[in-house]
Amino acid sequence: MLRTFVVAVWLFAFSSFSLANDAAAAVGAGGLQLRREASISMEKETLTITSPKGEYGTVNVKYEFLNLSDQDIETEVAFPLPPEGAEDQSDHTTVTDFRVLVEGQEIPFETDYKAILKGRDVTQVLRDLKLDLPDFGGFDWTEGSAAQIHQLPAADRARLVRAGLIEKNQDFPLWQLLTTYHWRQKFPAHSVVHVEHEYRPISGRSNLAIGQVERAMRHQKVKDINGNYGLLSLFCVNNETVRRLRADVVAKYGTDPKHDWESVGVGWIDYILTTANSWHGPIKDFELIIKTDPGWHLASCFDPSIAATTDTTMRLHFNNYTPTKELSIGFLYSMF
């Protein structure tokens, strides 16, 4: 007997530059929304994150799901992306090359778009005016304006102003786009289903001077010159990691103080783990694998041991793991 879920219960929200675990979902009147699937457990998850080279890092996630019930279950499975603003259009989307494989075979998926403004769903307003959601009404980030908005009649532009979607005499979209990949998935009774994702996330990125980093660490200030300690504290960067970065600079340039301004690159990849809690129970077997380049240094508040390694591959393993916080991995390197 096939049991099918087609109800909507939870609205999701995610922070910038983050990606999420698979979550059970349902398609209802309001579009795609998260739901809890209490009869399917996540038996295993292997999450592999590779340091961002150039613009992208890489993420590979392998799951084993077990249907605990006596019935086959068919449900919508969702992979939501973080909110995206028009100013992000230089990157356009948060991931590229997204693929879904079930039992080793690539499968098709659908894409759901929703426009949000300060927590309000404004999708219908934009659709009524025939504005494209994925590209923010033809937004050109080099021009800072959206062509479709510019071409609207005065009455329609006034409607957008009243809704707070643009400012008066401006063509800049003020809403955020929520994108979710989703597909219909069957879970046979008392059987394991293997699901895999591969994609390239857009990584966060910043440059800091090694001297500024050291001063920020010494004074433990929330903001130091360009807010360096605020960025460092985001990844719980410790003094040992900073010492290694200084050693890299000294190895290249020597100890002349003028090289205090040599740059340290900071890249990071975020991943939302807590959506795994929409499945039954904890993740029975969770493995995190982080791969980086020689000379790069890891930092993360997720687990202090991440920053202790000097190897190019870091492995963490947890049994019966219930995520209570999200994952953010910092990759630091001296920019020679």
C-alpha atoms as a PDB file:
ATOM      1  CA  MET A   1       0.000   0.000   0.000  1.00  0.00           C
ATOM      2  CA  LEU A   2       1.360   3.387  -0.972  1.00  0.00           C
ATOM      3  CA  ARG A   3       1.026   6.195   1.566  1.00  0.00           C
ATOM      4  CA  THR A   4       1.242   9.695   0.038  1.00  0.00           C
ATOM      5  CA  PHE A   5       1.670  12.963   1.936  1.00  0.00           C
ATOM      6  CA  VAL A   6       0.360  16.167   0.305  1.00  0.00           C
ATOM      7  CA  VAL A   7       0.005  18.647   3.163  1.00  0.00           C
ATOM      8  CA  ALA A   8       1.868  21.802   4.099  1.00  0.00           C
ATOM      9  CA  VAL A   9       2.960  22.591   7.635  1.00  0.00           C
ATOM     10  CA  TRP A  10       6.281  24.387   8.114  1.00  0.00           C
ATOM     11  CA  LEU A  11       7.717  27.415   6.384  1.00  0.00           C
ATOM     12  CA  PHE A  12      11.482  27.396   6.201  1.00  0.00           C
ATOM     13  CA  ALA A  13      14.079  30.183   6.527  1.00  0.00           C
ATOM     14  CA  PHE A  14      17.829  30.019   6.072  1.00  0.00           C
ATOM     15  CA  SER A  15      20.819  32.368   6.456  1.00  0.00           C
ATOM     16  CA  SER A  16      23.070  33.633   3.688  1.00  0.00           C
ATOM     17  CA  PHE A  17      25.655  31.366   2.069  1.00  0.00           C
ATOM     18  CA  SER A  18      24.175  28.340   3.750  1.00  0.00           C
ATOM     19  CA  LEU A  19      23.063  25.019   2.302  1.00  0.00           C
ATOM     20  CA  ALA A  20      20.852  22.439   3.902  1.00  0.00           C
ATOM     21  CA  ASN A  21      20.427  18.762   4.592  1.00  0.00           C
ATOM     22  CA  ASP A  22      17.616  17.035   2.779  1.00  0.00           C
ATOM     23  CA  ALA A  23      14.296  17.451   4.525  1.00  0.00           C
ATOM     24  CA  ALA A  24      10.969  15.768   4.020  1.00  0.00           C
ATOM     25  CA  ALA A  25       8.583  18.175   2.346  1.00  0.00           C
ATOM     26  CA  ALA A  26       5.088  18.498   0.993  1.00  0.00           C
ATOM     27  CA  VAL A  27       3.528  20.473  -1.840  1.00  0.00           C
ATOM     28  CA  GLY A  28       0.482  22.400  -0.649  1.00  0.00           C
ATOM     29  CA  ALA A  29      -1.472  25.496  -1.581  1.00  0.00           C
ATOM     30  CA  GLY A  30       1.366  27.764  -0.473  1.00  0.00           C
ATOM     31  CA  GLY A  31       4.030  26.037  -2.527  1.00  0.00           C
ATOM     32  CA  LEU A  32       6.799  23.840  -1.201  1.00  0.00           C
ATOM     33  CA  GLN A  33       7.090  23.728   2.579  1.00  0.00           C
ATOM     34  CA  LEU A  34       9.006  21.561   5.027  1.00  0.00           C
ATOM     35  CA  ARG A  35       7.224  18.851   7.022  1.00  0.00           C
ATOM     36  CA  ARG A  36       8.253  16.159   9.477  1.00  0.00           C
ATOM     37  CA  GLU A  37       8.517  12.572   8.263  1.00  0.00           C
ATOM     38  CA  ALA A  38       8.415  10.451  11.421  1.00  0.00           C
ATOM     39  CA  SER A  39       8.532   7.044   9.733  1.00  0.00           C
ATOM     40  CA  ILE A  40      11.826   7.443   7.881  1.00  0.00           C
ATOM     41  CA  SER A  41      15.178   7.589   9.624  1.00  0.00           C
ATOM     42  CA  MET A  42      18.494   8.922   8.352  1.00  0.00           C
ATOM     43  CA  GLU A  43      20.708   5.916   8.985  1.00  0.00           C
ATOM     44  CA  LYS A  44      23.863   7.464   7.608  1.00  0.00           C
ATOM     45  CA  GLU A  45      25.122  10.765   6.260  1.00  0.00           C
ATOM     46  CA  THR A  46      28.577  11.362   4.831  1.00  0.00           C
ATOM     47  CA  LEU A  47      29.212  15.052   4.188  1.00  0.00           C
ATOM     48  CA  THR A  48      32.367  15.974   2.278  1.00  0.00           C
ATOM     49  CA  ILE A  49      33.371  19.638   1.930  1.00  0.00           C
ATOM     50  CA  THR A  50      36.371  20.725  -0.141  1.00  0.00           C
ATOM     51  CA  SER A  51      38.144  24.064   0.229  1.00  0.00           C
ATOM     52  CA  PRO A  52      37.019  26.841  -2.128  1.00  0.00           C
ATOM     53  CA  LYS A  53      39.458  27.201  -5.014  1.00  0.00           C
ATOM     54  CA  GLY A  54      38.836  30.406  -6.922  1.00  0.00           C
ATOM     55  CA  GLU A  55      35.112  31.082  -6.688  1.00  0.00           C
ATOM     56  CA  TYR A  56      33.840  27.661  -5.680  1.00  0.00           C
ATOM     57  CA  GLY A  57      34.320  24.865  -3.200  1.00  0.00           C
ATOM     58  CA  THR A  58      32.700  21.472  -3.626  1.00  0.00           C
ATOM     59  CA  VAL A  59      30.155  19.589  -1.533  1.00  0.00           C
ATOM     60  CA  ASN A  60      29.179  15.940  -1.767  1.00  0.00           C
ATOM     61  CA  VAL A  61      26.513  14.457   0.524  1.00  0.00           C
ATOM     62  CA  LYS A  62      25.599  10.788   0.690  1.00  0.00           C
ATOM     63  CA  TYR A  63      22.586   9.578   2.681  1.00  0.00           C
ATOM     64  CA  GLU A  64      21.072   6.257   3.638  1.00  0.00           C
ATOM     65  CA  PHE A  65      17.366   6.529   4.508  1.00  0.00           C
ATOM     66  CA  LEU A  66      15.408   3.672   6.110  1.00  0.00           C
ATOM     67  CA  ASN A  67      11.627   3.328   5.993  1.00  0.00           C
ATOM     68  CA  LEU A  68      10.730   1.973   9.436  1.00  0.00           C
ATOM     69  CA  SER A  69       7.084   1.299   8.620  1.00  0.00           C
ATOM     70  CA  ASP A  70       5.201  -1.625   7.089  1.00  0.00           C
ATOM     71  CA  GLN A  71       4.035   0.530   4.182  1.00  0.00           C
ATOM     72  CA  ASP A  72       5.765   2.109   1.222  1.00  0.00           C
ATOM     73  CA  ILE A  73       5.996   5.869   1.653  1.00  0.00           C
ATOM     74  CA  GLU A  74       6.107   8.412  -1.132  1.00  0.00           C
ATOM     75  CA  THR A  75       6.877  11.976  -0.129  1.00  0.00           C
ATOM     76  CA  GLU A  76       8.335  15.155  -1.519  1.00  0.00           C
ATOM     77  CA  VAL A  77      12.022  15.642  -0.629  1.00  0.00           C
ATOM     78  CA  ALA A  78      13.332  19.199  -0.631  1.00  0.00           C
ATOM     79  CA  PHE A  79      16.743  20.796  -0.803  1.00  0.00           C
ATOM     80  CA  PRO A  80      16.314  24.526  -0.013  1.00  0.00           C
ATOM     81  CA  LEU A  81      18.892  27.171  -0.877  1.00  0.00           C
ATOM     82  CA  PRO A  82      19.510  30.264   1.245  1.00  0.00           C
ATOM     83  CA  PRO A  83      17.709  33.548   0.539  1.00  0.00           C
ATOM     84  CA  GLU A  84      19.200  35.493  -2.348  1.00  0.00           C
ATOM     85  CA  GLY A  85      18.948  39.233  -2.931  1.00  0.00           C
ATOM     86  CA  ALA A  86      19.263  41.141  -6.179  1.00  0.00           C
ATOM     87  CA  GLU A  87      22.718  42.282  -5.072  1.00  0.00           C
ATOM     88  CA  ASP A  88      23.813  38.631  -5.255  1.00  0.00           C
ATOM     89  CA  GLN A  89      23.105  38.478  -8.981  1.00  0.00           C
ATOM     90  CA  SER A  90      26.815  38.659  -9.815  1.00  0.00           C
ATOM     91  CA  ASP A  91      26.813  35.031  -8.602  1.00  0.00           C
ATOM     92  CA  HIS A  92      23.142  34.531  -9.533  1.00  0.00           C
ATOM     93  CA  THR A  93      22.536  31.375  -7.502  1.00  0.00           C
ATOM     94  CA  THR A  94      24.076  29.894  -4.418  1.00  0.00           C
ATOM     95  CA  VAL A  95      25.026  26.606  -6.035  1.00  0.00           C
ATOM     96  CA  THR A  96      25.954  25.366  -9.474  1.00  0.00           C
ATOM     97  CA  ASP A  97      26.089  21.906 -11.046  1.00  0.00           C
ATOM     98  CA  PHE A  98      23.450  20.573  -8.629  1.00  0.00           C
ATOM     99  CA  ARG A  99      22.767  16.863  -9.176  1.00  0.00           C
ATOM    100  CA  VAL A 100      20.617  14.286  -7.402  1.00  0.00           C
ATOM    101  CA  LEU A 101      21.408  10.577  -7.572  1.00  0.00           C
ATOM    102  CA  VAL A 102      19.201   7.807  -6.164  1.00  0.00           C
ATOM    103  CA  GLU A 103      20.751   4.356  -5.999  1.00  0.00           C
ATOM    104  CA  GLY A 104      23.569   5.703  -8.141  1.00  0.00           C
ATOM    105  CA  GLN A 105      21.303   6.921 -10.944  1.00  0.00           C
ATOM    106  CA  GLU A 106      20.837  10.632 -11.669  1.00  0.00           C
ATOM    107  CA  ILE A 107      17.202  11.718 -11.431  1.00  0.00           C
ATOM    108  CA  PRO A 108      15.357  14.880 -12.524  1.00  0.00           C
ATOM    109  CA  PHE A 109      14.135  17.449 -10.009  1.00  0.00           C
ATOM    110  CA  GLU A 110      11.902  20.499 -10.000  1.00  0.00           C
ATOM    111  CA  THR A 111      12.668  24.017  -8.851  1.00  0.00           C
ATOM    112  CA  ASP A 112      10.328  26.105  -6.695  1.00  0.00           C
ATOM    113  CA  TYR A 113      10.706  29.910  -6.439  1.00  0.00           C
ATOM    114  CA  LYS A 114       9.238  32.131  -3.748  1.00  0.00           C
ATOM    115  CA  ALA A 115       9.716  35.866  -3.137  1.00  0.00           C
ATOM    116  CA  ILE A 116       9.951  37.050   0.476  1.00  0.00           C
ATOM    117  CA  LEU A 117      10.041  40.564   1.905  1.00  0.00           C
ATOM    118  CA  LYS A 118      10.600  40.939   5.672  1.00  0.00           C
ATOM    119  CA  GLY A 119       9.045  37.550   6.294  1.00  0.00           C
ATOM    120  CA  ARG A 120       6.049  38.147   3.999  1.00  0.00           C
ATOM    121  CA  ASP A 121       5.366  36.033   0.928  1.00  0.00           C
ATOM    122  CA  VAL A 122       5.120  38.527  -1.952  1.00  0.00           C
ATOM    123  CA  THR A 123       5.308  35.979  -4.763  1.00  0.00           C
ATOM    124  CA  GLN A 124       1.806  36.610  -6.098  1.00  0.00           C
ATOM    125  CA  VAL A 125       2.311  40.372  -6.378  1.00  0.00           C
ATOM    126  CA  LEU A 126       5.303  39.835  -8.640  1.00  0.00           C
ATOM    127  CA  ARG A 127       3.571  37.162 -10.682  1.00  0.00           C
ATOM    128  CA  ASP A 128       0.517  39.398 -11.156  1.00  0.00           C
ATOM    129  CA  LEU A 129       2.851  41.932 -12.767  1.00  0.00           C
ATOM    130  CA  LYS A 130       4.550  39.185 -14.829  1.00  0.00           C
ATOM    131  CA  LEU A 131       7.967  39.849 -13.296  1.00  0.00           C
ATOM    132  CA  ASP A 132      10.456  37.006 -13.578  1.00  0.00           C
ATOM    133  CA  LEU A 133      11.265  35.625 -10.139  1.00  0.00           C
ATOM    134  CA  PRO A 134      14.607  33.845 -10.774  1.00  0.00           C
ATOM    135  CA  ASP A 135      16.328  36.923 -12.222  1.00  0.00           C
ATOM    136  CA  PHE A 136      14.540  39.618 -10.173  1.00  0.00           C
ATOM    137  CA  GLY A 137      12.641  41.069 -13.085  1.00  0.00           C
ATOM    138  CA  GLY A 138      15.630  41.224 -15.416  1.00  0.00           C
ATOM    139  CA  PHE A 139      17.931  42.772 -12.814  1.00  0.00           C
ATOM    140  CA  ASP A 140      21.335  43.857 -14.127  1.00  0.00           C
ATOM    141  CA  TRP A 141      23.758  44.000 -11.197  1.00  0.00           C
ATOM    142  CA  THR A 142      26.211  46.172 -13.168  1.00  0.00           C
ATOM    143  CA  GLU A 143      23.469  48.764 -13.710  1.00  0.00           C
ATOM    144  CA  GLY A 144      21.780  48.296 -10.341  1.00  0.00           C
ATOM    145  CA  SER A 145      18.305  48.203 -11.895  1.00  0.00           C
ATOM    146  CA  ALA A 146      15.728  45.737 -13.250  1.00  0.00           C
ATOM    147  CA  ALA A 147      14.617  46.182 -16.851  1.00  0.00           C
ATOM    148  CA  GLN A 148      11.145  44.682 -16.365  1.00  0.00           C
ATOM    149  CA  ILE A 149      10.420  46.976 -13.423  1.00  0.00           C
ATOM    150  CA  HIS A 150      11.619  49.995 -15.401  1.00  0.00           C
ATOM    151  CA  GLN A 151       9.184  49.176 -18.222  1.00  0.00           C
ATOM    152  CA  LEU A 152       6.115  48.816 -15.982  1.00  0.00           C
ATOM    153  CA  PRO A 153       3.234  51.316 -16.230  1.00  0.00           C
ATOM    154  CA  ALA A 154       3.164  53.982 -13.521  1.00  0.00           C
ATOM    155  CA  ALA A 155       0.227  52.315 -11.733  1.00  0.00           C
ATOM    156  CA  ASP A 156       2.079  48.995 -11.464  1.00  0.00           C
ATOM    157  CA  ARG A 157       5.257  50.675 -10.235  1.00  0.00           C
ATOM    158  CA  ALA A 158       3.162  52.478  -7.601  1.00  0.00           C
ATOM    159  CA  ARG A 159       1.812  49.101  -6.482  1.00  0.00           C
ATOM    160  CA  LEU A 160       5.378  47.846  -5.972  1.00  0.00           C
ATOM    161  CA  VAL A 161       6.220  50.979  -3.983  1.00  0.00           C
ATOM    162  CA  ARG A 162       3.173  50.549  -1.739  1.00  0.00           C
ATOM    163  CA  ALA A 163       4.133  46.910  -1.146  1.00  0.00           C
ATOM    164  CA  GLY A 164       7.669  47.949  -0.203  1.00  0.00           C
ATOM    165  CA  LEU A 165       9.157  45.972  -3.088  1.00  0.00           C
ATOM    166  CA  ILE A 166      10.934  48.984  -4.598  1.00  0.00           C
ATOM    167  CA  GLU A 167      11.585  52.540  -3.478  1.00  0.00           C
ATOM    168  CA  LYS A 168      10.012  55.485  -5.242  1.00  0.00           C
ATOM    169  CA  ASN A 169      11.883  56.388  -8.443  1.00  0.00           C
ATOM    170  CA  GLN A 170      14.109  53.312  -8.052  1.00  0.00           C
ATOM    171  CA  ASP A 171      14.239  50.066 -10.035  1.00  0.00           C
ATOM    172  CA  PHE A 172      16.176  48.088  -7.421  1.00  0.00           C
ATOM    173  CA  PRO A 173      14.305  44.968  -6.184  1.00  0.00           C
ATOM    174  CA  LEU A 174      14.099  44.868  -2.382  1.00  0.00           C
ATOM    175  CA  TRP A 175      12.724  41.345  -1.972  1.00  0.00           C
ATOM    176  CA  GLN A 176      14.620  38.100  -1.504  1.00  0.00           C
ATOM    177  CA  LEU A 177      14.325  34.957  -3.592  1.00  0.00           C
ATOM    178  CA  LEU A 178      13.950  31.528  -1.969  1.00  0.00           C
ATOM    179  CA  THR A 179      14.867  28.682  -4.304  1.00  0.00           C
ATOM    180  CA  THR A 180      14.160  25.054  -3.474  1.00  0.00           C
ATOM    181  CA  TYR A 181      15.022  21.958  -5.477  1.00  0.00           C
ATOM    182  CA  HIS A 182      12.572  19.135  -4.867  1.00  0.00           C
ATOM    183  CA  TRP A 183      11.538  15.752  -6.195  1.00  0.00           C
ATOM    184  CA  ARG A 184       9.097  12.950  -5.457  1.00  0.00           C
ATOM    185  CA  GLN A 185      10.781  10.064  -3.667  1.00  0.00           C
ATOM    186  CA  LYS A 186       9.507   6.564  -2.894  1.00  0.00           C
ATOM    187  CA  PHE A 187      10.778   4.778   0.232  1.00  0.00           C
ATOM    188  CA  PRO A 188       9.882   1.047   0.157  1.00  0.00           C
ATOM    189  CA  ALA A 189       8.796  -0.513   3.446  1.00  0.00           C
ATOM    190  CA  HIS A 190      11.663  -1.691   5.672  1.00  0.00           C
ATOM    191  CA  SER A 191      14.176  -0.817   2.955  1.00  0.00           C
ATOM    192  CA  VAL A 192      17.186   1.490   2.663  1.00  0.00           C
ATOM    193  CA  VAL A 193      17.299   4.149  -0.053  1.00  0.00           C
ATOM    194  CA  HIS A 194      20.619   5.749  -1.040  1.00  0.00           C
ATOM    195  CA  VAL A 195      20.472   9.429  -2.039  1.00  0.00           C
ATOM    196  CA  GLU A 196      23.449  11.539  -3.104  1.00  0.00           C
ATOM    197  CA  HIS A 197      23.963  15.233  -3.956  1.00  0.00           C
ATOM    198  CA  GLU A 198      26.860  16.905  -5.668  1.00  0.00           C
ATOM    199  CA  TYR A 199      27.187  20.658  -6.190  1.00  0.00           C
ATOM    200  CA  ARG A 200      29.475  23.657  -6.032  1.00  0.00           C
ATOM    201  CA  PRO A 201      28.429  26.302  -3.513  1.00  0.00           C
ATOM    202  CA  ILE A 202      29.364  29.942  -3.786  1.00  0.00           C
ATOM    203  CA  SER A 203      31.711  30.449  -0.841  1.00  0.00           C
ATOM    204  CA  GLY A 204      32.036  33.479   1.394  1.00  0.00           C
ATOM    205  CA  ARG A 205      35.310  35.323   0.984  1.00  0.00           C
ATOM    206  CA  SER A 206      37.359  38.095   2.571  1.00  0.00           C
ATOM    207  CA  ASN A 207      40.958  39.329   2.865  1.00  0.00           C
ATOM    208  CA  LEU A 208      42.650  40.429   6.099  1.00  0.00           C
ATOM    209  CA  ALA A 209      46.154  41.727   6.840  1.00  0.00           C
ATOM    210  CA  ILE A 210      48.171  39.379   9.052  1.00  0.00           C
ATOM    211  CA  GLY A 211      49.090  42.261  11.371  1.00  0.00           C
ATOM    212  CA  GLN A 212      45.438  43.207  11.796  1.00  0.00           C
ATOM    213  CA  VAL A 213      44.559  39.592  12.524  1.00  0.00           C
ATOM    214  CA  GLU A 214      47.179  39.394  15.265  1.00  0.00           C
ATOM    215  CA  ARG A 215      46.074  42.656  16.872  1.00  0.00           C
ATOM    216  CA  ALA A 216      42.440  41.612  16.742  1.00  0.00           C
ATOM    217  CA  MET A 217      43.285  38.333  18.476  1.00  0.00           C
ATOM    218  CA  ARG A 218      45.342  40.066  21.165  1.00  0.00           C
ATOM    219  CA  HIS A 219      42.655  42.599  22.033  1.00  0.00           C
ATOM    220  CA  GLN A 220      39.678  40.273  21.478  1.00  0.00           C
ATOM    221  CA  LYS A 221      37.674  43.197  20.126  1.00  0.00           C
ATOM    222  CA  VAL A 222      34.384  42.668  18.388  1.00  0.00           C
ATOM    223  CA  LYS A 223      35.525  45.177  15.786  1.00  0.00           C
ATOM    224  CA  ASP A 224      39.130  45.963  14.991  1.00  0.00           C
ATOM    225  CA  ILE A 225      39.877  48.308  12.055  1.00  0.00           C
ATOM    226  CA  ASN A 226      37.805  46.456   9.444  1.00  0.00           C
ATOM    227  CA  GLY A 227      35.869  44.267  11.827  1.00  0.00           C
ATOM    228  CA  ASN A 228      38.480  41.513  11.687  1.00  0.00           C
ATOM    229  CA  TYR A 229      37.767  39.996  15.058  1.00  0.00           C
ATOM    230  CA  GLY A 230      34.086  39.755  14.190  1.00  0.00           C
ATOM    231  CA  LEU A 231      35.011  37.625  11.165  1.00  0.00           C
ATOM    232  CA  LEU A 232      37.599  35.585  13.075  1.00  0.00           C
ATOM    233  CA  SER A 233      35.203  34.903  15.939  1.00  0.00           C
ATOM    234  CA  LEU A 234      32.666  33.590  13.426  1.00  0.00           C
ATOM    235  CA  PHE A 235      34.962  30.597  12.932  1.00  0.00           C
ATOM    236  CA  CYS A 236      36.485  30.524  16.444  1.00  0.00           C
ATOM    237  CA  VAL A 237      39.945  31.189  14.990  1.00  0.00           C
ATOM    238  CA  ASN A 238      42.514  30.431  17.698  1.00  0.00           C
ATOM    239  CA  ASN A 239      46.013  31.716  18.390  1.00  0.00           C
ATOM    240  CA  GLU A 240      47.662  28.558  17.050  1.00  0.00           C
ATOM    241  CA  THR A 241      46.034  29.057  13.645  1.00  0.00           C
ATOM    242  CA  VAL A 242      47.194  32.698  13.595  1.00  0.00           C
ATOM    243  CA  ARG A 243      50.711  31.573  14.565  1.00  0.00           C
ATOM    244  CA  ARG A 244      50.749  29.217  11.565  1.00  0.00           C
ATOM    245  CA  LEU A 245      49.620  32.004   9.255  1.00  0.00           C
ATOM    246  CA  ARG A 246      52.398  34.286  10.552  1.00  0.00           C
ATOM    247  CA  ALA A 247      54.910  31.457   9.994  1.00  0.00           C
ATOM    248  CA  ASP A 248      53.736  31.228   6.379  1.00  0.00           C
ATOM    249  CA  VAL A 249      54.333  34.968   5.913  1.00  0.00           C
ATOM    250  CA  VAL A 250      57.764  34.808   7.568  1.00  0.00           C
ATOM    251  CA  ALA A 251      58.751  31.839   5.401  1.00  0.00           C
ATOM    252  CA  LYS A 252      57.988  33.892   2.294  1.00  0.00           C
ATOM    253  CA  TYR A 253      59.031  37.411   3.285  1.00  0.00           C
ATOM    254  CA  GLY A 254      61.063  37.253   6.503  1.00  0.00           C
ATOM    255  CA  THR A 255      60.372  39.196   9.691  1.00  0.00           C
ATOM    256  CA  ASP A 256      60.352  42.772   8.350  1.00  0.00           C
ATOM    257  CA  PRO A 257      57.350  44.576   9.992  1.00  0.00           C
ATOM    258  CA  LYS A 258      56.375  46.059   6.636  1.00  0.00           C
ATOM    259  CA  HIS A 259      54.984  42.631   5.787  1.00  0.00           C
ATOM    260  CA  ASP A 260      52.354  42.981   8.513  1.00  0.00           C
ATOM    261  CA  TRP A 261      50.143  44.093   5.647  1.00  0.00           C
ATOM    262  CA  GLU A 262      50.517  40.872   3.690  1.00  0.00           C
ATOM    263  CA  SER A 263      47.067  39.447   3.129  1.00  0.00           C
ATOM    264  CA  VAL A 264      45.463  36.430   4.706  1.00  0.00           C
ATOM    265  CA  GLY A 265      42.646  34.990   2.650  1.00  0.00           C
ATOM    266  CA  VAL A 266      39.555  33.728   4.437  1.00  0.00           C
ATOM    267  CA  GLY A 267      37.068  31.579   2.559  1.00  0.00           C
ATOM    268  CA  TRP A 268      34.137  29.771   4.112  1.00  0.00           C
ATOM    269  CA  ILE A 269      31.353  27.347   3.346  1.00  0.00           C
ATOM    270  CA  ASP A 270      28.230  27.072   5.503  1.00  0.00           C
ATOM    271  CA  TYR A 271      25.944  24.068   5.686  1.00  0.00           C
ATOM    272  CA  ILE A 272      22.627  23.737   7.521  1.00  0.00           C
ATOM    273  CA  LEU A 273      22.533  20.486   9.468  1.00  0.00           C
ATOM    274  CA  THR A 274      19.426  20.928  11.612  1.00  0.00           C
ATOM    275  CA  THR A 275      16.992  20.180   8.777  1.00  0.00           C
ATOM    276  CA  ALA A 276      18.007  16.545   9.344  1.00  0.00           C
ATOM    277  CA  ASN A 277      15.765  16.723  12.412  1.00  0.00           C
ATOM    278  CA  SER A 278      12.698  16.534  10.157  1.00  0.00           C
ATOM    279  CA  TRP A 279      13.389  12.789   9.853  1.00  0.00           C
ATOM    280  CA  HIS A 280      12.837  10.140  12.533  1.00  0.00           C
ATOM    281  CA  GLY A 281      15.344  10.213  15.400  1.00  0.00           C
ATOM    282  CA  PRO A 282      19.015  11.165  15.269  1.00  0.00           C
ATOM    283  CA  ILE A 283      21.401  10.546  12.379  1.00  0.00           C
ATOM    284  CA  LYS A 284      22.593   7.062  13.280  1.00  0.00           C
ATOM    285  CA  ASP A 285      26.001   7.458  11.618  1.00  0.00           C
ATOM    286  CA  PHE A 286      27.286  10.931  10.689  1.00  0.00           C
ATOM    287  CA  GLU A 287      30.698  11.516   9.133  1.00  0.00           C
ATOM    288  CA  LEU A 288      32.116  14.914   8.224  1.00  0.00           C
ATOM    289  CA  ILE A 289      35.073  14.989   5.828  1.00  0.00           C
ATOM    290  CA  ILE A 290      36.854  18.281   5.131  1.00  0.00           C
ATOM    291  CA  LYS A 291      39.453  18.445   2.378  1.00  0.00           C
ATOM    292  CA  THR A 292      41.779  21.379   1.915  1.00  0.00           C
ATOM    293  CA  ASP A 293      44.957  22.330   0.058  1.00  0.00           C
ATOM    294  CA  PRO A 294      48.476  22.121   1.534  1.00  0.00           C
ATOM    295  CA  GLY A 295      49.250  25.352   3.374  1.00  0.00           C
ATOM    296  CA  TRP A 296      45.591  26.136   4.078  1.00  0.00           C
ATOM    297  CA  HIS A 297      44.356  26.168   7.681  1.00  0.00           C
ATOM    298  CA  LEU A 298      40.939  25.143   8.958  1.00  0.00           C
ATOM    299  CA  ALA A 299      38.834  26.899  11.576  1.00  0.00           C
ATOM    300  CA  SER A 300      35.337  26.198  12.855  1.00  0.00           C
ATOM    301  CA  CYS A 301      33.210  26.689  15.961  1.00  0.00           C
ATOM    302  CA  PHE A 302      31.521  23.379  15.141  1.00  0.00           C
ATOM    303  CA  ASP A 303      34.286  21.296  16.739  1.00  0.00           C
ATOM    304  CA  PRO A 304      37.601  22.607  18.187  1.00  0.00           C
ATOM    305  CA  SER A 305      39.534  19.658  16.753  1.00  0.00           C
ATOM    306  CA  ILE A 306      38.915  20.954  13.233  1.00  0.00           C
ATOM    307  CA  ALA A 307      41.422  23.760  13.795  1.00  0.00           C
ATOM    308  CA  ALA A 308      44.009  21.387  15.304  1.00  0.00           C
ATOM    309  CA  THR A 309      44.773  19.470  12.147  1.00  0.00           C
ATOM    310  CA  THR A 310      47.554  20.305   9.703  1.00  0.00           C
ATOM    311  CA  ASP A 311      46.546  17.470   7.385  1.00  0.00           C
ATOM    312  CA  THR A 312      44.795  18.095   4.082  1.00  0.00           C
ATOM    313  CA  THR A 313      41.925  15.774   5.064  1.00  0.00           C
ATOM    314  CA  MET A 314      39.983  16.010   8.325  1.00  0.00           C
ATOM    315  CA  ARG A 315      37.457  13.376   9.419  1.00  0.00           C
ATOM    316  CA  LEU A 316      34.952  13.643  12.266  1.00  0.00           C
ATOM    317  CA  HIS A 317      32.577  10.835  13.163  1.00  0.00           C
ATOM    318  CA  PHE A 318      29.452  10.914  15.360  1.00  0.00           C
ATOM    319  CA  ASN A 319      27.015   8.153  16.330  1.00  0.00           C
ATOM    320  CA  ASN A 320      23.343   8.904  17.029  1.00  0.00           C
ATOM    321  CA  TYR A 321      23.912  12.548  16.201  1.00  0.00           C
ATOM    322  CA  THR A 322      21.138  15.125  16.612  1.00  0.00           C
ATOM    323  CA  PRO A 323      22.220  18.440  15.053  1.00  0.00           C
ATOM    324  CA  THR A 324      21.685  21.427  17.345  1.00  0.00           C
ATOM    325  CA  LYS A 325      23.703  23.967  15.363  1.00  0.00           C
ATOM    326  CA  GLU A 326      24.756  24.654  11.830  1.00  0.00           C
ATOM    327  CA  LEU A 327      28.141  24.022  10.260  1.00  0.00           C
ATOM    328  CA  SER A 328      30.480  26.789   9.131  1.00  0.00           C
ATOM    329  CA  ILE A 329      33.992  25.919   7.951  1.00  0.00           C
ATOM    330  CA  GLY A 330      36.641  28.614   7.536  1.00  0.00           C
ATOM    331  CA  PHE A 331      39.622  28.121   5.225  1.00  0.00           C
ATOM    332  CA  LEU A 332      42.524  30.492   5.956  1.00  0.00           C
ATOM    333  CA  TYR A 333      45.674  30.862   3.877  1.00  0.00           C
ATOM    334  CA  SER A 334      48.516  33.295   3.331  1.00  0.00           C
ATOM    335  CA  MET A 335      48.026  35.021  -0.046  1.00  0.00           C
ATOM    336  CA  PHE A 336      51.529  34.948  -1.515  1.00  0.00           C
END
